[in-house]
Amino acid sequence: MKRATELRRILVPQDEDLLREGSRLLGEHDEFSGIVYAHQLRVTIGQMAGDPEIIAKATSQDEWLGRIEYLPLG
């Protein structure tokens, strides 16, 4: 997560441990790269490809510092 933050990259994991780490950092008001979490059993392959693309086109990197969102979007 530290490297992603240094590179200003949004993470799109299916790993609950990474989600917990992001939640911990959020609670401590510590800066981290944004997370778009996708639960393995609730997100289709199409959503894994399409939803992050929508996010990339509709938002800026600065909007994602310290932010956690969940897929599917809607």
PDB file of N, CA and C in Angstrom:
ATOM      1  N   MET A   1       0.821  -1.180   0.000  1.00  0.00           N
ATOM      2  CA  MET A   1       0.000   0.000   0.000  1.00  0.00           C
ATOM      3  C   MET A   1       0.872   1.253   0.000  1.00  0.00           C
ATOM      4  N   LYS A   2       1.988   1.185   0.693  1.00  0.00           N
ATOM      5  CA  LYS A   2       2.877   2.350   0.755  1.00  0.00           C
ATOM      6  C   LYS A   2       3.383   2.725  -0.634  1.00  0.00           C
ATOM      7  N   ARG A   3       3.770   1.736  -1.417  1.00  0.00           N
ATOM      8  CA  ARG A   3       4.284   2.003  -2.775  1.00  0.00           C
ATOM      9  C   ARG A   3       3.190   2.601  -3.659  1.00  0.00           C
ATOM     10  N   ALA A   4       1.979   2.088  -3.566  1.00  0.00           N
ATOM     11  CA  ALA A   4       0.865   2.636  -4.343  1.00  0.00           C
ATOM     12  C   ALA A   4       0.623   4.103  -3.979  1.00  0.00           C
ATOM     13  N   THR A   5       0.731   4.419  -2.702  1.00  0.00           N
ATOM     14  CA  THR A   5       0.538   5.797  -2.259  1.00  0.00           C
ATOM     15  C   THR A   5       1.649   6.687  -2.803  1.00  0.00           C
ATOM     16  N   GLU A   6       2.887   6.211  -2.763  1.00  0.00           N
ATOM     17  CA  GLU A   6       4.009   6.977  -3.310  1.00  0.00           C
ATOM     18  C   GLU A   6       3.809   7.265  -4.795  1.00  0.00           C
ATOM     19  N   LEU A   7       3.259   6.293  -5.522  1.00  0.00           N
ATOM     20  CA  LEU A   7       3.033   6.439  -6.964  1.00  0.00           C
ATOM     21  C   LEU A   7       1.688   7.074  -7.296  1.00  0.00           C
ATOM     22  N   ARG A   8       0.886   7.355  -6.259  1.00  0.00           N
ATOM     23  CA  ARG A   8      -0.456   7.933  -6.414  1.00  0.00           C
ATOM     24  C   ARG A   8      -1.335   7.029  -7.273  1.00  0.00           C
ATOM     25  N   ARG A   9      -1.340   5.752  -6.932  1.00  0.00           N
ATOM     26  CA  ARG A   9      -2.131   4.752  -7.650  1.00  0.00           C
ATOM     27  C   ARG A   9      -3.270   4.261  -6.772  1.00  0.00           C
ATOM     28  N   ILE A  10      -4.415   4.095  -7.371  1.00  0.00           N
ATOM     29  CA  ILE A  10      -5.576   3.541  -6.677  1.00  0.00           C
ATOM     30  C   ILE A  10      -5.461   2.030  -6.720  1.00  0.00           C
ATOM     31  N   LEU A  11      -5.713   1.390  -5.594  1.00  0.00           N
ATOM     32  CA  LEU A  11      -5.675  -0.066  -5.524  1.00  0.00           C
ATOM     33  C   LEU A  11      -7.074  -0.633  -5.746  1.00  0.00           C
ATOM     34  N   VAL A  12      -7.156  -1.746  -6.488  1.00  0.00           N
ATOM     35  CA  VAL A  12      -8.428  -2.430  -6.724  1.00  0.00           C
ATOM     36  C   VAL A  12      -8.248  -3.884  -6.284  1.00  0.00           C
ATOM     37  N   PRO A  13      -8.312  -4.123  -4.969  1.00  0.00           N
ATOM     38  CA  PRO A  13      -8.084  -5.472  -4.455  1.00  0.00           C
ATOM     39  C   PRO A  13      -9.373  -6.271  -4.266  1.00  0.00           C
ATOM     40  N   GLN A  14      -9.189  -7.555  -4.110  1.00  0.00           N
ATOM     41  CA  GLN A  14     -10.250  -8.441  -3.644  1.00  0.00           C
ATOM     42  C   GLN A  14      -9.820  -9.060  -2.315  1.00  0.00           C
ATOM     43  N   ASP A  15      -8.796  -8.508  -1.731  1.00  0.00           N
ATOM     44  CA  ASP A  15      -8.173  -8.996  -0.506  1.00  0.00           C
ATOM     45  C   ASP A  15      -8.732  -8.257   0.708  1.00  0.00           C
ATOM     46  N   GLU A  16      -9.401  -8.981   1.595  1.00  0.00           N
ATOM     47  CA  GLU A  16     -10.009  -8.352   2.768  1.00  0.00           C
ATOM     48  C   GLU A  16      -8.959  -7.783   3.729  1.00  0.00           C
ATOM     49  N   ASP A  17      -7.760  -8.368   3.764  1.00  0.00           N
ATOM     50  CA  ASP A  17      -6.703  -7.848   4.631  1.00  0.00           C
ATOM     51  C   ASP A  17      -6.292  -6.441   4.202  1.00  0.00           C
ATOM     52  N   LEU A  18      -6.211  -6.214   2.904  1.00  0.00           N
ATOM     53  CA  LEU A  18      -5.863  -4.880   2.400  1.00  0.00           C
ATOM     54  C   LEU A  18      -6.981  -3.884   2.712  1.00  0.00           C
ATOM     55  N   LEU A  19      -8.211  -4.329   2.625  1.00  0.00           N
ATOM     56  CA  LEU A  19      -9.345  -3.483   2.988  1.00  0.00           C
ATOM     57  C   LEU A  19      -9.272  -3.108   4.468  1.00  0.00           C
ATOM     58  N   ARG A  20      -8.957  -4.069   5.323  1.00  0.00           N
ATOM     59  CA  ARG A  20      -8.818  -3.786   6.763  1.00  0.00           C
ATOM     60  C   ARG A  20      -7.698  -2.785   7.024  1.00  0.00           C
ATOM     61  N   GLU A  21      -6.573  -2.941   6.313  1.00  0.00           N
ATOM     62  CA  GLU A  21      -5.454  -2.017   6.479  1.00  0.00           C
ATOM     63  C   GLU A  21      -5.860  -0.602   6.053  1.00  0.00           C
ATOM     64  N   GLY A  22      -6.575  -0.493   4.948  1.00  0.00           N
ATOM     65  CA  GLY A  22      -7.072   0.812   4.514  1.00  0.00           C
ATOM     66  C   GLY A  22      -8.023   1.422   5.529  1.00  0.00           C
ATOM     67  N   SER A  23      -8.888   0.615   6.096  1.00  0.00           N
ATOM     68  CA  SER A  23      -9.826   1.088   7.121  1.00  0.00           C
ATOM     69  C   SER A  23      -9.080   1.563   8.363  1.00  0.00           C
ATOM     70  N   ARG A  24      -8.026   0.842   8.727  1.00  0.00           N
ATOM     71  CA  ARG A  24      -7.216   1.247   9.881  1.00  0.00           C
ATOM     72  C   ARG A  24      -6.559   2.598   9.625  1.00  0.00           C
ATOM     73  N   LEU A  25      -5.952   2.748   8.446  1.00  0.00           N
ATOM     74  CA  LEU A  25      -5.307   4.012   8.094  1.00  0.00           C
ATOM     75  C   LEU A  25      -6.310   5.153   8.046  1.00  0.00           C
ATOM     76  N   LEU A  26      -7.490   4.869   7.523  1.00  0.00           N
ATOM     77  CA  LEU A  26      -8.551   5.877   7.468  1.00  0.00           C
ATOM     78  C   LEU A  26      -8.920   6.327   8.878  1.00  0.00           C
ATOM     79  N   GLY A  27      -9.061   5.388   9.792  1.00  0.00           N
ATOM     80  CA  GLY A  27      -9.394   5.712  11.175  1.00  0.00           C
ATOM     81  C   GLY A  27      -8.311   6.507  11.882  1.00  0.00           C
ATOM     82  N   GLU A  28      -7.060   6.316  11.468  1.00  0.00           N
ATOM     83  CA  GLU A  28      -5.936   7.039  12.063  1.00  0.00           C
ATOM     84  C   GLU A  28      -5.622   8.338  11.319  1.00  0.00           C
ATOM     85  N   HIS A  29      -6.418   8.665  10.318  1.00  0.00           N
ATOM     86  CA  HIS A  29      -6.229   9.868   9.502  1.00  0.00           C
ATOM     87  C   HIS A  29      -4.839   9.883   8.855  1.00  0.00           C
ATOM     88  N   ASP A  30      -4.373   8.703   8.462  1.00  0.00           N
ATOM     89  CA  ASP A  30      -3.077   8.551   7.815  1.00  0.00           C
ATOM     90  C   ASP A  30      -3.303   8.519   6.302  1.00  0.00           C
ATOM     91  N   GLU A  31      -2.492   9.236   5.568  1.00  0.00           N
ATOM     92  CA  GLU A  31      -2.670   9.314   4.115  1.00  0.00           C
ATOM     93  C   GLU A  31      -2.359   7.971   3.461  1.00  0.00           C
ATOM     94  N   PHE A  32      -3.215   7.573   2.540  1.00  0.00           N
ATOM     95  CA  PHE A  32      -2.993   6.349   1.766  1.00  0.00           C
ATOM     96  C   PHE A  32      -3.681   6.482   0.423  1.00  0.00           C
ATOM     97  N   SER A  33      -3.193   5.686  -0.501  1.00  0.00           N
ATOM     98  CA  SER A  33      -3.789   5.635  -1.825  1.00  0.00           C
ATOM     99  C   SER A  33      -5.211   5.101  -1.714  1.00  0.00           C
ATOM    100  N   GLY A  34      -6.085   5.545  -2.588  1.00  0.00           N
ATOM    101  CA  GLY A  34      -7.467   5.098  -2.543  1.00  0.00           C
ATOM    102  C   GLY A  34      -7.610   3.609  -2.804  1.00  0.00           C
ATOM    103  N   ILE A  35      -8.714   3.067  -2.316  1.00  0.00           N
ATOM    104  CA  ILE A  35      -9.017   1.650  -2.495  1.00  0.00           C
ATOM    105  C   ILE A  35     -10.412   1.522  -3.091  1.00  0.00           C
ATOM    106  N   VAL A  36     -10.506   0.727  -4.141  1.00  0.00           N
ATOM    107  CA  VAL A  36     -11.794   0.343  -4.710  1.00  0.00           C
ATOM    108  C   VAL A  36     -11.884  -1.165  -4.479  1.00  0.00           C
ATOM    109  N   TYR A  37     -12.630  -1.548  -3.450  1.00  0.00           N
ATOM    110  CA  TYR A  37     -12.676  -2.948  -3.031  1.00  0.00           C
ATOM    111  C   TYR A  37     -13.764  -3.711  -3.776  1.00  0.00           C
ATOM    112  N   ALA A  38     -13.402  -4.924  -4.204  1.00  0.00           N
ATOM    113  CA  ALA A  38     -14.338  -5.794  -4.920  1.00  0.00           C
ATOM    114  C   ALA A  38     -14.368  -7.157  -4.243  1.00  0.00           C
ATOM    115  N   HIS A  39     -15.465  -7.483  -3.601  1.00  0.00           N
ATOM    116  CA  HIS A  39     -15.593  -8.797  -2.946  1.00  0.00           C
ATOM    117  C   HIS A  39     -15.642  -9.875  -4.026  1.00  0.00           C
ATOM    118  N   GLN A  40     -14.890 -10.942  -3.808  1.00  0.00           N
ATOM    119  CA  GLN A  40     -14.758 -12.001  -4.815  1.00  0.00           C
ATOM    120  C   GLN A  40     -16.077 -12.624  -5.241  1.00  0.00           C
ATOM    121  N   LEU A  41     -17.031 -12.735  -4.336  1.00  0.00           N
ATOM    122  CA  LEU A  41     -18.280 -13.420  -4.661  1.00  0.00           C
ATOM    123  C   LEU A  41     -19.402 -12.473  -5.092  1.00  0.00           C
ATOM    124  N   ARG A  42     -19.176 -11.171  -5.038  1.00  0.00           N
ATOM    125  CA  ARG A  42     -20.244 -10.224  -5.344  1.00  0.00           C
ATOM    126  C   ARG A  42     -20.000  -9.377  -6.584  1.00  0.00           C
ATOM    127  N   VAL A  43     -18.854  -9.552  -7.218  1.00  0.00           N
ATOM    128  CA  VAL A  43     -18.495  -8.732  -8.366  1.00  0.00           C
ATOM    129  C   VAL A  43     -18.161  -9.633  -9.551  1.00  0.00           C
ATOM    130  N   THR A  44     -18.761  -9.338 -10.695  1.00  0.00           N
ATOM    131  CA  THR A  44     -18.491 -10.125 -11.895  1.00  0.00           C
ATOM    132  C   THR A  44     -17.200  -9.646 -12.565  1.00  0.00           C
ATOM    133  N   ILE A  45     -16.696 -10.450 -13.474  1.00  0.00           N
ATOM    134  CA  ILE A  45     -15.510 -10.065 -14.237  1.00  0.00           C
ATOM    135  C   ILE A  45     -15.785  -8.771 -15.017  1.00  0.00           C
ATOM    136  N   GLY A  46     -16.970  -8.658 -15.574  1.00  0.00           N
ATOM    137  CA  GLY A  46     -17.336  -7.441 -16.313  1.00  0.00           C
ATOM    138  C   GLY A  46     -17.303  -6.205 -15.430  1.00  0.00           C
ATOM    139  N   GLN A  47     -17.793  -6.326 -14.209  1.00  0.00           N
ATOM    140  CA  GLN A  47     -17.759  -5.199 -13.280  1.00  0.00           C
ATOM    141  C   GLN A  47     -16.324  -4.878 -12.876  1.00  0.00           C
ATOM    142  N   MET A  48     -15.496  -5.913 -12.709  1.00  0.00           N
ATOM    143  CA  MET A  48     -14.092  -5.696 -12.356  1.00  0.00           C
ATOM    144  C   MET A  48     -13.365  -4.930 -13.451  1.00  0.00           C
ATOM    145  N   ALA A  49     -13.795  -5.098 -14.689  1.00  0.00           N
ATOM    146  CA  ALA A  49     -13.168  -4.379 -15.794  1.00  0.00           C
ATOM    147  C   ALA A  49     -13.809  -3.015 -16.011  1.00  0.00           C
ATOM    148  N   GLY A  50     -15.127  -2.952 -15.945  1.00  0.00           N
ATOM    149  CA  GLY A  50     -15.835  -1.727 -16.302  1.00  0.00           C
ATOM    150  C   GLY A  50     -15.895  -0.662 -15.227  1.00  0.00           C
ATOM    151  N   ASP A  51     -16.192  -1.043 -13.991  1.00  0.00           N
ATOM    152  CA  ASP A  51     -16.361  -0.048 -12.933  1.00  0.00           C
ATOM    153  C   ASP A  51     -15.078   0.748 -12.656  1.00  0.00           C
ATOM    154  N   PRO A  52     -13.904   0.103 -12.549  1.00  0.00           N
ATOM    155  CA  PRO A  52     -12.686   0.903 -12.352  1.00  0.00           C
ATOM    156  C   PRO A  52     -12.397   1.843 -13.527  1.00  0.00           C
ATOM    157  N   GLU A  53     -12.781   1.438 -14.729  1.00  0.00           N
ATOM    158  CA  GLU A  53     -12.595   2.316 -15.890  1.00  0.00           C
ATOM    159  C   GLU A  53     -13.466   3.562 -15.750  1.00  0.00           C
ATOM    160  N   ILE A  54     -14.694   3.385 -15.312  1.00  0.00           N
ATOM    161  CA  ILE A  54     -15.585   4.533 -15.079  1.00  0.00           C
ATOM    162  C   ILE A  54     -14.989   5.460 -14.022  1.00  0.00           C
ATOM    163  N   ILE A  55     -14.496   4.876 -12.951  1.00  0.00           N
ATOM    164  CA  ILE A  55     -13.884   5.663 -11.882  1.00  0.00           C
ATOM    165  C   ILE A  55     -12.695   6.455 -12.407  1.00  0.00           C
ATOM    166  N   ALA A  56     -11.839   5.806 -13.200  1.00  0.00           N
ATOM    167  CA  ALA A  56     -10.651   6.468 -13.738  1.00  0.00           C
ATOM    168  C   ALA A  56     -11.019   7.655 -14.633  1.00  0.00           C
ATOM    169  N   LYS A  57     -12.084   7.511 -15.396  1.00  0.00           N
ATOM    170  CA  LYS A  57     -12.493   8.584 -16.311  1.00  0.00           C
ATOM    171  C   LYS A  57     -13.235   9.715 -15.604  1.00  0.00           C
ATOM    172  N   ALA A  58     -13.905   9.404 -14.493  1.00  0.00           N
ATOM    173  CA  ALA A  58     -14.779  10.391 -13.857  1.00  0.00           C
ATOM    174  C   ALA A  58     -14.156  11.101 -12.653  1.00  0.00           C
ATOM    175  N   THR A  59     -12.991  10.658 -12.201  1.00  0.00           N
ATOM    176  CA  THR A  59     -12.395  11.253 -11.003  1.00  0.00           C
ATOM    177  C   THR A  59     -10.920  11.548 -11.232  1.00  0.00           C
ATOM    178  N   SER A  60     -10.350  12.331 -10.322  1.00  0.00           N
ATOM    179  CA  SER A  60      -8.914  12.617 -10.374  1.00  0.00           C
ATOM    180  C   SER A  60      -8.209  11.852  -9.259  1.00  0.00           C
ATOM    181  N   GLN A  61      -6.907  11.707  -9.373  1.00  0.00           N
ATOM    182  CA  GLN A  61      -6.133  11.001  -8.358  1.00  0.00           C
ATOM    183  C   GLN A  61      -6.255  11.672  -6.995  1.00  0.00           C
ATOM    184  N   ASP A  62      -6.292  12.990  -6.976  1.00  0.00           N
ATOM    185  CA  ASP A  62      -6.377  13.716  -5.704  1.00  0.00           C
ATOM    186  C   ASP A  62      -7.654  13.383  -4.933  1.00  0.00           C
ATOM    187  N   GLU A  63      -8.719  13.048  -5.635  1.00  0.00           N
ATOM    188  CA  GLU A  63      -9.979  12.699  -4.975  1.00  0.00           C
ATOM    189  C   GLU A  63      -9.906  11.374  -4.227  1.00  0.00           C
ATOM    190  N   TRP A  64      -8.875  10.578  -4.485  1.00  0.00           N
ATOM    191  CA  TRP A  64      -8.810   9.222  -3.932  1.00  0.00           C
ATOM    192  C   TRP A  64      -7.927   9.076  -2.713  1.00  0.00           C
ATOM    193  N   LEU A  65      -7.211  10.103  -2.326  1.00  0.00           N
ATOM    194  CA  LEU A  65      -6.389   9.991  -1.132  1.00  0.00           C
ATOM    195  C   LEU A  65      -7.276   9.751   0.080  1.00  0.00           C
ATOM    196  N   GLY A  66      -7.024   8.672   0.793  1.00  0.00           N
ATOM    197  CA  GLY A  66      -7.788   8.357   1.992  1.00  0.00           C
ATOM    198  C   GLY A  66      -9.237   7.978   1.750  1.00  0.00           C
ATOM    199  N   ARG A  67      -9.523   7.407   0.593  1.00  0.00           N
ATOM    200  CA  ARG A  67     -10.917   7.077   0.244  1.00  0.00           C
ATOM    201  C   ARG A  67     -11.051   5.586  -0.044  1.00  0.00           C
ATOM    202  N   ILE A  68     -12.159   4.999   0.414  1.00  0.00           N
ATOM    203  CA  ILE A  68     -12.473   3.600   0.139  1.00  0.00           C
ATOM    204  C   ILE A  68     -13.864   3.539  -0.469  1.00  0.00           C
ATOM    205  N   GLU A  69     -13.981   2.861  -1.609  1.00  0.00           N
ATOM    206  CA  GLU A  69     -15.258   2.625  -2.265  1.00  0.00           C
ATOM    207  C   GLU A  69     -15.394   1.123  -2.525  1.00  0.00           C
ATOM    208  N   TYR A  70     -16.617   0.697  -2.746  1.00  0.00           N
ATOM    209  CA  TYR A  70     -16.896  -0.721  -2.944  1.00  0.00           C
ATOM    210  C   TYR A  70     -17.551  -0.952  -4.299  1.00  0.00           C
ATOM    211  N   LEU A  71     -17.132  -2.035  -4.969  1.00  0.00           N
ATOM    212  CA  LEU A  71     -17.787  -2.468  -6.200  1.00  0.00           C
ATOM    213  C   LEU A  71     -18.838  -3.504  -5.851  1.00  0.00           C
ATOM    214  N   PRO A  72     -19.858  -3.647  -6.633  1.00  0.00           N
ATOM    215  CA  PRO A  72     -20.172  -2.884  -7.831  1.00  0.00           C
ATOM    216  C   PRO A  72     -20.665  -1.476  -7.488  1.00  0.00           C
ATOM    217  N   LEU A  73     -20.492  -0.573  -8.434  1.00  0.00           N
ATOM    218  CA  LEU A  73     -20.857   0.821  -8.218  1.00  0.00           C
ATOM    219  C   LEU A  73     -22.347   1.029  -8.041  1.00  0.00           C
ATOM    220  N   GLY A  74     -23.141   0.338  -8.777  1.00  0.00           N
ATOM    221  CA  GLY A  74     -24.557   0.648  -8.652  1.00  0.00           C
ATOM    222  C   GLY A  74     -25.451  -0.388  -9.120  1.00  0.00           C
TER     223      GLY A  74
END
